[in-house]
All heavy atoms as atom14 arrays in JSON, in Angstrom:
{
  "sequence": "FNLPINPIGTDFQKKVWAELLKIPYGQTASYREIAVKIGNPKASRAVG",
  "atom14_mask": [
    [1, 1, 1, 1, 1, 1, 1, 1, 1, 1, 1, 0, 0, 0],
    [1, 1, 1, 1, 1, 1, 1, 1, 0, 0, 0, 0, 0, 0],
    [1, 1, 1, 1, 1, 1, 1, 1, 0, 0, 0, 0, 0, 0],
    [1, 1, 1, 1, 1, 1, 1, 0, 0, 0, 0, 0, 0, 0],
    [1, 1, 1, 1, 1, 1, 1, 1, 0, 0, 0, 0, 0, 0],
    [1, 1, 1, 1, 1, 1, 1, 1, 0, 0, 0, 0, 0, 0],
    [1, 1, 1, 1, 1, 1, 1, 0, 0, 0, 0, 0, 0, 0],
    [1, 1, 1, 1, 1, 1, 1, 1, 0, 0, 0, 0, 0, 0],
    [1, 1, 1, 1, 0, 0, 0, 0, 0, 0, 0, 0, 0, 0],
    [1, 1, 1, 1, 1, 1, 1, 0, 0, 0, 0, 0, 0, 0],
    [1, 1, 1, 1, 1, 1, 1, 1, 0, 0, 0, 0, 0, 0],
    [1, 1, 1, 1, 1, 1, 1, 1, 1, 1, 1, 0, 0, 0],
    [1, 1, 1, 1, 1, 1, 1, 1, 1, 0, 0, 0, 0, 0],
    [1, 1, 1, 1, 1, 1, 1, 1, 1, 0, 0, 0, 0, 0],
    [1, 1, 1, 1, 1, 1, 1, 1, 1, 0, 0, 0, 0, 0],
    [1, 1, 1, 1, 1, 1, 1, 0, 0, 0, 0, 0, 0, 0],
    [1, 1, 1, 1, 1, 1, 1, 1, 1, 1, 1, 1, 1, 1],
    [1, 1, 1, 1, 1, 0, 0, 0, 0, 0, 0, 0, 0, 0],
    [1, 1, 1, 1, 1, 1, 1, 1, 1, 0, 0, 0, 0, 0],
    [1, 1, 1, 1, 1, 1, 1, 1, 0, 0, 0, 0, 0, 0],
    [1, 1, 1, 1, 1, 1, 1, 1, 0, 0, 0, 0, 0, 0],
    [1, 1, 1, 1, 1, 1, 1, 1, 1, 0, 0, 0, 0, 0],
    [1, 1, 1, 1, 1, 1, 1, 1, 0, 0, 0, 0, 0, 0],
    [1, 1, 1, 1, 1, 1, 1, 0, 0, 0, 0, 0, 0, 0],
    [1, 1, 1, 1, 1, 1, 1, 1, 1, 1, 1, 1, 0, 0],
    [1, 1, 1, 1, 0, 0, 0, 0, 0, 0, 0, 0, 0, 0],
    [1, 1, 1, 1, 1, 1, 1, 1, 1, 0, 0, 0, 0, 0],
    [1, 1, 1, 1, 1, 1, 1, 0, 0, 0, 0, 0, 0, 0],
    [1, 1, 1, 1, 1, 0, 0, 0, 0, 0, 0, 0, 0, 0],
    [1, 1, 1, 1, 1, 1, 0, 0, 0, 0, 0, 0, 0, 0],
    [1, 1, 1, 1, 1, 1, 1, 1, 1, 1, 1, 1, 0, 0],
    [1, 1, 1, 1, 1, 1, 1, 1, 1, 1, 1, 0, 0, 0],
    [1, 1, 1, 1, 1, 1, 1, 1, 1, 0, 0, 0, 0, 0],
    [1, 1, 1, 1, 1, 1, 1, 1, 0, 0, 0, 0, 0, 0],
    [1, 1, 1, 1, 1, 0, 0, 0, 0, 0, 0, 0, 0, 0],
    [1, 1, 1, 1, 1, 1, 1, 0, 0, 0, 0, 0, 0, 0],
    [1, 1, 1, 1, 1, 1, 1, 1, 1, 0, 0, 0, 0, 0],
    [1, 1, 1, 1, 1, 1, 1, 1, 0, 0, 0, 0, 0, 0],
    [1, 1, 1, 1, 0, 0, 0, 0, 0, 0, 0, 0, 0, 0],
    [1, 1, 1, 1, 1, 1, 1, 1, 0, 0, 0, 0, 0, 0],
    [1, 1, 1, 1, 1, 1, 1, 0, 0, 0, 0, 0, 0, 0],
    [1, 1, 1, 1, 1, 1, 1, 1, 1, 0, 0, 0, 0, 0],
    [1, 1, 1, 1, 1, 0, 0, 0, 0, 0, 0, 0, 0, 0],
    [1, 1, 1, 1, 1, 1, 0, 0, 0, 0, 0, 0, 0, 0],
    [1, 1, 1, 1, 1, 1, 1, 1, 1, 1, 1, 0, 0, 0],
    [1, 1, 1, 1, 1, 0, 0, 0, 0, 0, 0, 0, 0, 0],
    [1, 1, 1, 1, 1, 1, 1, 0, 0, 0, 0, 0, 0, 0],
    [1, 1, 1, 1, 0, 0, 0, 0, 0, 0, 0, 0, 0, 0]
  ],
  "atom14_positions": [
    [[-2.95, 69.18, -24.61], [-3.77, 70.42, -24.91], [-4.31, 70.21, -26.31], [-3.74, 69.66, -27.19], [-2.77, 71.57, -24.9], [-2.35, 71.95, -23.49], [-1.14, 71.52, -22.99], [-3.11, 72.63, -22.66], [-0.79, 71.83, -21.77], [-2.71, 72.99, -21.4], [-1.48, 72.57, -20.96], [0.0, 0.0, 0.0], [0.0, 0.0, 0.0], [0.0, 0.0, 0.0]],
    [[-5.49, 70.76, -26.48], [-6.17, 70.74, -27.68], [-6.53, 72.24, -28.17], [-7.67, 72.71, -27.9], [-7.51, 69.8, -27.45], [-8.21, 69.87, -28.86], [-7.73, 69.99, -29.88], [-9.44, 69.41, -28.77], [0.0, 0.0, 0.0], [0.0, 0.0, 0.0], [0.0, 0.0, 0.0], [0.0, 0.0, 0.0], [0.0, 0.0, 0.0], [0.0, 0.0, 0.0]],
    [[-5.61, 72.86, -28.62], [-5.78, 74.35, -28.93], [-5.21, 74.56, -30.32], [-4.16, 73.95, -30.77], [-5.04, 75.16, -27.94], [-5.51, 75.11, -26.54], [-4.31, 75.6, -25.62], [-6.69, 75.93, -26.38], [0.0, 0.0, 0.0], [0.0, 0.0, 0.0], [0.0, 0.0, 0.0], [0.0, 0.0, 0.0], [0.0, 0.0, 0.0], [0.0, 0.0, 0.0]],
    [[-5.78, 75.42, -31.14], [-5.19, 75.75, -32.4], [-3.97, 76.67, -32.12], [-4.09, 77.82, -31.6], [-6.32, 76.56, -33.15], [-7.19, 77.18, -31.99], [-7.09, 76.18, -30.86], [0.0, 0.0, 0.0], [0.0, 0.0, 0.0], [0.0, 0.0, 0.0], [0.0, 0.0, 0.0], [0.0, 0.0, 0.0], [0.0, 0.0, 0.0], [0.0, 0.0, 0.0]],
    [[-2.78, 76.18, -32.44], [-1.55, 76.96, -32.33], [-0.91, 77.43, -33.43], [-1.09, 76.81, -34.55], [-0.66, 76.13, -31.27], [-0.04, 74.94, -32.01], [-1.2, 75.82, -30.05], [1.09, 74.24, -31.35], [0.0, 0.0, 0.0], [0.0, 0.0, 0.0], [0.0, 0.0, 0.0], [0.0, 0.0, 0.0], [0.0, 0.0, 0.0], [0.0, 0.0, 0.0]],
    [[-0.26, 78.53, -33.43], [0.42, 79.15, -34.54], [1.79, 79.65, -34.13], [1.9, 80.94, -34.1], [-0.3, 80.21, -35.41], [0.31, 80.56, -36.62], [1.3, 79.95, -37.23], [-0.01, 81.73, -37.08], [0.0, 0.0, 0.0], [0.0, 0.0, 0.0], [0.0, 0.0, 0.0], [0.0, 0.0, 0.0], [0.0, 0.0, 0.0], [0.0, 0.0, 0.0]],
    [[2.83, 78.89, -33.7], [4.07, 79.47, -33.26], [4.8, 80.13, -34.25], [4.89, 79.66, -35.43], [4.74, 78.3, -32.72], [4.22, 77.02, -33.43], [2.8, 77.43, -33.69], [0.0, 0.0, 0.0], [0.0, 0.0, 0.0], [0.0, 0.0, 0.0], [0.0, 0.0, 0.0], [0.0, 0.0, 0.0], [0.0, 0.0, 0.0], [0.0, 0.0, 0.0]],
    [[5.2, 81.33, -34.17], [5.88, 82.05, -35.22], [7.44, 81.87, -35.06], [7.97, 82.12, -33.98], [5.51, 83.65, -35.22], [4.11, 83.61, -35.36], [6.42, 84.42, -36.09], [3.26, 84.82, -35.6], [0.0, 0.0, 0.0], [0.0, 0.0, 0.0], [0.0, 0.0, 0.0], [0.0, 0.0, 0.0], [0.0, 0.0, 0.0], [0.0, 0.0, 0.0]],
    [[8.03, 81.41, -36.08], [9.57, 81.17, -36.07], [10.07, 80.66, -37.44], [9.22, 80.59, -38.32], [0.0, 0.0, 0.0], [0.0, 0.0, 0.0], [0.0, 0.0, 0.0], [0.0, 0.0, 0.0], [0.0, 0.0, 0.0], [0.0, 0.0, 0.0], [0.0, 0.0, 0.0], [0.0, 0.0, 0.0], [0.0, 0.0, 0.0], [0.0, 0.0, 0.0]],
    [[11.3, 80.34, -37.43], [11.98, 79.78, -38.63], [11.34, 78.42, -38.84], [10.76, 77.71, -37.96], [13.42, 79.8, -38.57], [13.82, 78.84, -37.5], [14.03, 81.16, -38.13], [0.0, 0.0, 0.0], [0.0, 0.0, 0.0], [0.0, 0.0, 0.0], [0.0, 0.0, 0.0], [0.0, 0.0, 0.0], [0.0, 0.0, 0.0], [0.0, 0.0, 0.0]],
    [[11.71, 77.89, -40.08], [11.34, 76.48, -40.36], [11.93, 75.66, -39.47], [11.32, 74.61, -39.02], [11.66, 76.18, -41.81], [10.85, 76.78, -42.87], [9.66, 77.36, -42.55], [11.19, 76.98, -44.05], [0.0, 0.0, 0.0], [0.0, 0.0, 0.0], [0.0, 0.0, 0.0], [0.0, 0.0, 0.0], [0.0, 0.0, 0.0], [0.0, 0.0, 0.0]],
    [[13.3, 75.75, -39.19], [13.95, 74.89, -38.19], [13.2, 74.93, -36.83], [13.14, 73.78, -36.19], [15.52, 75.21, -38.05], [16.19, 74.44, -37.07], [16.68, 73.21, -37.55], [16.41, 74.8, -35.84], [17.4, 72.4, -36.54], [17.09, 74.02, -34.86], [17.6, 72.76, -35.3], [0.0, 0.0, 0.0], [0.0, 0.0, 0.0], [0.0, 0.0, 0.0]],
    [[12.98, 76.06, -36.38], [12.37, 76.18, -35.02], [11.09, 75.52, -34.94], [10.69, 74.77, -34.03], [12.22, 77.64, -34.63], [13.42, 78.38, -34.3], [13.23, 79.92, -34.29], [12.4, 80.44, -34.79], [14.15, 80.52, -33.47], [0.0, 0.0, 0.0], [0.0, 0.0, 0.0], [0.0, 0.0, 0.0], [0.0, 0.0, 0.0], [0.0, 0.0, 0.0]],
    [[10.22, 75.66, -36.11], [8.98, 75.09, -36.11], [9.19, 73.45, -36.15], [8.29, 72.77, -35.53], [8.2, 75.36, -37.29], [7.69, 76.81, -37.22], [6.95, 77.39, -38.53], [6.49, 78.77, -38.35], [5.8, 79.14, -39.47], [0.0, 0.0, 0.0], [0.0, 0.0, 0.0], [0.0, 0.0, 0.0], [0.0, 0.0, 0.0], [0.0, 0.0, 0.0]],
    [[10.15, 72.93, -36.79], [10.55, 71.59, -36.71], [10.69, 71.07, -35.34], [10.25, 70.02, -34.96], [11.57, 71.26, -37.77], [11.81, 69.89, -38.1], [12.94, 69.91, -39.21], [12.91, 68.39, -39.9], [14.05, 68.37, -40.91], [0.0, 0.0, 0.0], [0.0, 0.0, 0.0], [0.0, 0.0, 0.0], [0.0, 0.0, 0.0], [0.0, 0.0, 0.0]],
    [[11.58, 71.75, -34.71], [11.89, 71.47, -33.22], [10.59, 71.52, -32.38], [10.4, 70.55, -31.67], [12.96, 72.33, -32.7], [13.12, 72.24, -31.22], [14.29, 72.18, -33.37], [0.0, 0.0, 0.0], [0.0, 0.0, 0.0], [0.0, 0.0, 0.0], [0.0, 0.0, 0.0], [0.0, 0.0, 0.0], [0.0, 0.0, 0.0], [0.0, 0.0, 0.0]],
    [[9.88, 72.61, -32.53], [8.57, 72.72, -31.64], [7.61, 71.52, -32.03], [7.03, 71.02, -31.17], [7.93, 74.13, -31.93], [8.94, 75.21, -31.44], [9.95, 75.24, -30.66], [8.89, 76.58, -32.1], [10.61, 76.49, -30.64], [9.86, 77.27, -31.44], [8.16, 77.07, -33.05], [10.22, 78.54, -31.78], [8.39, 78.58, -33.35], [9.36, 79.21, -32.74]],
    [[7.6, 71.22, -33.27], [6.57, 70.08, -33.64], [7.06, 68.77, -32.94], [6.32, 67.99, -32.45], [6.58, 69.77, -35.02], [0.0, 0.0, 0.0], [0.0, 0.0, 0.0], [0.0, 0.0, 0.0], [0.0, 0.0, 0.0], [0.0, 0.0, 0.0], [0.0, 0.0, 0.0], [0.0, 0.0, 0.0], [0.0, 0.0, 0.0], [0.0, 0.0, 0.0]],
    [[8.39, 68.6, -32.89], [8.99, 67.38, -32.13], [8.69, 67.5, -30.58], [8.48, 66.32, -30.0], [10.41, 67.24, -32.51], [11.04, 65.92, -32.23], [10.34, 64.71, -32.92], [10.07, 64.92, -34.14], [9.97, 63.71, -32.34], [0.0, 0.0, 0.0], [0.0, 0.0, 0.0], [0.0, 0.0, 0.0], [0.0, 0.0, 0.0], [0.0, 0.0, 0.0]],
    [[8.82, 68.56, -30.13], [8.51, 68.86, -28.63], [7.11, 68.33, -28.3], [6.81, 67.8, -27.22], [8.59, 70.25, -28.21], [10.09, 70.82, -28.32], [10.07, 72.37, -27.78], [11.18, 70.09, -27.74], [0.0, 0.0, 0.0], [0.0, 0.0, 0.0], [0.0, 0.0, 0.0], [0.0, 0.0, 0.0], [0.0, 0.0, 0.0], [0.0, 0.0, 0.0]],
    [[6.17, 68.55, -29.33], [4.73, 68.28, -29.01], [4.6, 66.75, -28.88], [3.6, 66.24, -28.37], [3.77, 68.77, -30.17], [3.64, 70.4, -30.05], [2.99, 70.7, -31.47], [2.82, 70.62, -28.97], [0.0, 0.0, 0.0], [0.0, 0.0, 0.0], [0.0, 0.0, 0.0], [0.0, 0.0, 0.0], [0.0, 0.0, 0.0], [0.0, 0.0, 0.0]],
    [[5.64, 65.95, -29.36], [5.53, 64.61, -29.28], [6.09, 63.9, -28.01], [5.92, 62.7, -27.82], [6.33, 63.99, -30.56], [5.75, 64.33, -31.81], [6.59, 63.71, -33.0], [6.16, 64.34, -34.35], [7.04, 63.9, -35.38], [0.0, 0.0, 0.0], [0.0, 0.0, 0.0], [0.0, 0.0, 0.0], [0.0, 0.0, 0.0], [0.0, 0.0, 0.0]],
    [[6.76, 64.79, -27.22], [7.23, 64.21, -25.93], [6.07, 64.01, -24.95], [5.21, 65.01, -24.6], [8.16, 65.19, -25.22], [9.34, 65.64, -26.18], [8.69, 64.71, -23.95], [10.24, 66.71, -25.62], [0.0, 0.0, 0.0], [0.0, 0.0, 0.0], [0.0, 0.0, 0.0], [0.0, 0.0, 0.0], [0.0, 0.0, 0.0], [0.0, 0.0, 0.0]],
    [[5.83, 62.72, -24.49], [4.62, 62.47, -23.77], [4.56, 63.22, -22.41], [5.74, 63.44, -21.8], [4.67, 60.95, -23.54], [5.49, 60.42, -24.62], [6.58, 61.6, -24.83], [0.0, 0.0, 0.0], [0.0, 0.0, 0.0], [0.0, 0.0, 0.0], [0.0, 0.0, 0.0], [0.0, 0.0, 0.0], [0.0, 0.0, 0.0], [0.0, 0.0, 0.0]],
    [[3.49, 63.58, -21.81], [3.26, 64.02, -20.59], [4.02, 63.19, -19.44], [3.97, 61.96, -19.5], [1.67, 63.98, -20.27], [1.26, 64.47, -18.87], [0.93, 65.85, -18.82], [1.26, 63.69, -17.85], [0.49, 66.34, -17.58], [0.85, 64.19, -16.62], [0.43, 65.52, -16.45], [0.05, 66.01, -15.26], [0.0, 0.0, 0.0], [0.0, 0.0, 0.0]],
    [[4.77, 63.91, -18.61], [5.47, 63.17, -17.6], [6.82, 62.56, -17.99], [7.56, 61.89, -17.18], [0.0, 0.0, 0.0], [0.0, 0.0, 0.0], [0.0, 0.0, 0.0], [0.0, 0.0, 0.0], [0.0, 0.0, 0.0], [0.0, 0.0, 0.0], [0.0, 0.0, 0.0], [0.0, 0.0, 0.0], [0.0, 0.0, 0.0], [0.0, 0.0, 0.0]],
    [[7.24, 62.74, -19.29], [8.43, 62.33, -19.7], [9.31, 63.38, -20.27], [8.94, 64.48, -20.44], [8.21, 61.3, -20.96], [7.45, 60.06, -20.37], [7.29, 58.92, -21.51], [8.03, 58.91, -22.4], [6.19, 58.14, -21.44], [0.0, 0.0, 0.0], [0.0, 0.0, 0.0], [0.0, 0.0, 0.0], [0.0, 0.0, 0.0], [0.0, 0.0, 0.0]],
    [[10.61, 63.05, -20.4], [11.58, 64.08, -20.83], [12.34, 63.55, -22.03], [12.36, 62.26, -22.3], [12.51, 64.55, -19.78], [13.18, 63.29, -19.32], [11.81, 65.14, -18.5], [0.0, 0.0, 0.0], [0.0, 0.0, 0.0], [0.0, 0.0, 0.0], [0.0, 0.0, 0.0], [0.0, 0.0, 0.0], [0.0, 0.0, 0.0], [0.0, 0.0, 0.0]],
    [[13.01, 64.43, -22.76], [13.97, 64.09, -23.81], [15.04, 65.04, -23.72], [14.89, 66.13, -23.31], [13.22, 64.26, -25.18], [0.0, 0.0, 0.0], [0.0, 0.0, 0.0], [0.0, 0.0, 0.0], [0.0, 0.0, 0.0], [0.0, 0.0, 0.0], [0.0, 0.0, 0.0], [0.0, 0.0, 0.0], [0.0, 0.0, 0.0], [0.0, 0.0, 0.0]],
    [[16.27, 64.61, -24.15], [17.48, 65.51, -24.29], [17.47, 66.31, -25.5], [16.84, 66.0, -26.53], [18.66, 64.7, -24.15], [18.99, 63.94, -25.32], [0.0, 0.0, 0.0], [0.0, 0.0, 0.0], [0.0, 0.0, 0.0], [0.0, 0.0, 0.0], [0.0, 0.0, 0.0], [0.0, 0.0, 0.0], [0.0, 0.0, 0.0], [0.0, 0.0, 0.0]],
    [[18.28, 67.41, -25.58], [18.4, 68.11, -26.8], [18.93, 67.27, -27.79], [18.53, 67.37, -28.96], [19.34, 69.33, -26.57], [18.87, 70.3, -25.45], [19.24, 70.31, -24.2], [17.94, 71.3, -25.86], [18.69, 71.11, -23.27], [17.4, 72.12, -24.9], [17.84, 72.07, -23.52], [17.22, 72.96, -22.73], [0.0, 0.0, 0.0], [0.0, 0.0, 0.0]],
    [[19.84, 66.42, -27.62], [20.42, 65.44, -28.57], [19.38, 64.57, -29.12], [19.35, 64.31, -30.27], [21.58, 64.67, -27.92], [22.37, 63.76, -29.03], [23.41, 63.0, -28.54], [24.35, 62.44, -29.46], [23.91, 61.62, -30.53], [22.56, 61.37, -30.58], [24.68, 61.06, -31.24], [0.0, 0.0, 0.0], [0.0, 0.0, 0.0], [0.0, 0.0, 0.0]],
    [[18.51, 64.06, -28.16], [17.41, 63.17, -28.77], [16.52, 63.88, -29.76], [16.14, 63.29, -30.72], [16.61, 62.61, -27.56], [17.39, 61.53, -26.68], [16.73, 61.23, -25.53], [16.06, 62.04, -24.87], [16.94, 60.14, -24.97], [0.0, 0.0, 0.0], [0.0, 0.0, 0.0], [0.0, 0.0, 0.0], [0.0, 0.0, 0.0], [0.0, 0.0, 0.0]],
    [[16.2, 65.06, -29.4], [15.36, 65.83, -30.29], [16.08, 66.06, -31.71], [15.51, 65.93, -32.69], [15.04, 67.21, -29.67], [14.14, 67.0, -28.39], [14.25, 68.15, -30.67], [12.94, 66.4, -28.61], [0.0, 0.0, 0.0], [0.0, 0.0, 0.0], [0.0, 0.0, 0.0], [0.0, 0.0, 0.0], [0.0, 0.0, 0.0], [0.0, 0.0, 0.0]],
    [[17.37, 66.49, -31.59], [18.2, 66.64, -32.77], [18.26, 65.39, -33.68], [18.01, 65.49, -34.79], [19.61, 67.1, -32.46], [0.0, 0.0, 0.0], [0.0, 0.0, 0.0], [0.0, 0.0, 0.0], [0.0, 0.0, 0.0], [0.0, 0.0, 0.0], [0.0, 0.0, 0.0], [0.0, 0.0, 0.0], [0.0, 0.0, 0.0], [0.0, 0.0, 0.0]],
    [[18.26, 64.23, -33.0], [18.25, 62.91, -33.8], [16.92, 62.8, -34.48], [16.89, 62.45, -35.61], [18.69, 61.89, -33.01], [18.43, 60.42, -33.5], [20.16, 61.94, -32.46], [0.0, 0.0, 0.0], [0.0, 0.0, 0.0], [0.0, 0.0, 0.0], [0.0, 0.0, 0.0], [0.0, 0.0, 0.0], [0.0, 0.0, 0.0], [0.0, 0.0, 0.0]],
    [[15.92, 63.02, -33.76], [14.58, 62.83, -34.21], [14.31, 63.67, -35.43], [13.35, 63.4, -36.22], [13.47, 63.02, -33.05], [13.46, 61.67, -32.24], [12.48, 61.89, -31.11], [12.62, 60.64, -30.23], [11.64, 60.63, -29.26], [0.0, 0.0, 0.0], [0.0, 0.0, 0.0], [0.0, 0.0, 0.0], [0.0, 0.0, 0.0], [0.0, 0.0, 0.0]],
    [[14.73, 64.93, -35.44], [14.56, 65.91, -36.55], [15.5, 65.6, -37.76], [15.47, 66.33, -38.71], [14.48, 67.29, -36.11], [15.75, 67.79, -35.73], [13.38, 67.6, -35.14], [15.89, 69.35, -35.51], [0.0, 0.0, 0.0], [0.0, 0.0, 0.0], [0.0, 0.0, 0.0], [0.0, 0.0, 0.0], [0.0, 0.0, 0.0], [0.0, 0.0, 0.0]],
    [[16.4, 64.56, -37.62], [17.27, 64.26, -38.64], [18.52, 64.98, -38.67], [19.19, 65.01, -39.81], [0.0, 0.0, 0.0], [0.0, 0.0, 0.0], [0.0, 0.0, 0.0], [0.0, 0.0, 0.0], [0.0, 0.0, 0.0], [0.0, 0.0, 0.0], [0.0, 0.0, 0.0], [0.0, 0.0, 0.0], [0.0, 0.0, 0.0], [0.0, 0.0, 0.0]],
    [[18.96, 65.68, -37.54], [20.07, 66.4, -37.56], [20.82, 66.2, -36.26], [20.86, 67.05, -35.45], [19.75, 67.94, -37.87], [20.93, 68.79, -38.16], [22.02, 68.34, -38.06], [20.62, 69.96, -38.63], [0.0, 0.0, 0.0], [0.0, 0.0, 0.0], [0.0, 0.0, 0.0], [0.0, 0.0, 0.0], [0.0, 0.0, 0.0], [0.0, 0.0, 0.0]],
    [[21.47, 65.04, -36.12], [22.17, 64.68, -34.84], [23.06, 65.59, -34.26], [23.48, 65.55, -33.09], [22.64, 63.25, -35.06], [22.55, 63.01, -36.5], [21.68, 63.97, -37.11], [0.0, 0.0, 0.0], [0.0, 0.0, 0.0], [0.0, 0.0, 0.0], [0.0, 0.0, 0.0], [0.0, 0.0, 0.0], [0.0, 0.0, 0.0], [0.0, 0.0, 0.0]],
    [[23.71, 66.4, -35.12], [24.84, 67.34, -34.62], [24.21, 68.71, -34.29], [24.85, 69.55, -33.87], [25.78, 67.45, -35.62], [26.6, 66.09, -35.8], [27.78, 66.37, -36.81], [28.5, 65.01, -37.0], [29.6, 65.09, -37.78], [0.0, 0.0, 0.0], [0.0, 0.0, 0.0], [0.0, 0.0, 0.0], [0.0, 0.0, 0.0], [0.0, 0.0, 0.0]],
    [[22.88, 68.81, -34.22], [22.29, 70.15, -34.0], [21.72, 70.36, -32.57], [20.71, 71.1, -32.3], [21.06, 70.33, -34.93], [0.0, 0.0, 0.0], [0.0, 0.0, 0.0], [0.0, 0.0, 0.0], [0.0, 0.0, 0.0], [0.0, 0.0, 0.0], [0.0, 0.0, 0.0], [0.0, 0.0, 0.0], [0.0, 0.0, 0.0], [0.0, 0.0, 0.0]],
    [[22.3, 69.71, -31.52], [21.93, 69.87, -30.24], [21.85, 71.31, -29.7], [20.92, 71.71, -29.16], [22.76, 69.07, -29.18], [22.64, 67.68, -29.56], [0.0, 0.0, 0.0], [0.0, 0.0, 0.0], [0.0, 0.0, 0.0], [0.0, 0.0, 0.0], [0.0, 0.0, 0.0], [0.0, 0.0, 0.0], [0.0, 0.0, 0.0], [0.0, 0.0, 0.0]],
    [[22.8, 72.14, -30.02], [22.92, 73.5, -29.65], [21.82, 74.29, -30.39], [21.15, 75.13, -29.77], [24.29, 74.11, -29.94], [25.27, 73.72, -28.89], [26.57, 74.42, -29.25], [27.64, 73.91, -28.37], [28.07, 74.44, -27.07], [27.36, 75.47, -26.67], [29.02, 73.97, -26.44], [0.0, 0.0, 0.0], [0.0, 0.0, 0.0], [0.0, 0.0, 0.0]],
    [[21.58, 73.96, -31.57], [20.41, 74.68, -32.33], [19.14, 74.23, -31.75], [18.18, 75.2, -31.74], [20.66, 74.37, -33.84], [0.0, 0.0, 0.0], [0.0, 0.0, 0.0], [0.0, 0.0, 0.0], [0.0, 0.0, 0.0], [0.0, 0.0, 0.0], [0.0, 0.0, 0.0], [0.0, 0.0, 0.0], [0.0, 0.0, 0.0], [0.0, 0.0, 0.0]],
    [[18.97, 73.09, -31.4], [17.64, 72.63, -30.8], [17.46, 73.43, -29.44], [16.42, 73.88, -29.16], [17.78, 71.07, -30.53], [16.65, 70.79, -29.66], [17.69, 70.37, -31.86], [0.0, 0.0, 0.0], [0.0, 0.0, 0.0], [0.0, 0.0, 0.0], [0.0, 0.0, 0.0], [0.0, 0.0, 0.0], [0.0, 0.0, 0.0], [0.0, 0.0, 0.0]],
    [[18.68, 73.44, -28.78], [18.54, 74.29, -27.46], [18.14, 75.8, -27.81], [17.31, 76.39, -27.0], [0.0, 0.0, 0.0], [0.0, 0.0, 0.0], [0.0, 0.0, 0.0], [0.0, 0.0, 0.0], [0.0, 0.0, 0.0], [0.0, 0.0, 0.0], [0.0, 0.0, 0.0], [0.0, 0.0, 0.0], [0.0, 0.0, 0.0], [0.0, 0.0, 0.0]]
  ]
}
């Protein structure tokens, strides 16, 4: 998608959402994988 977006949330939420945008079309990632990518490997529940 090529749209100007402005998701409203906390800094942590925005960090997670920015990482979600990097998951390629047709692929998946786990909550844990996202937590690791944002530099907080124990934050799987917070990512969820």
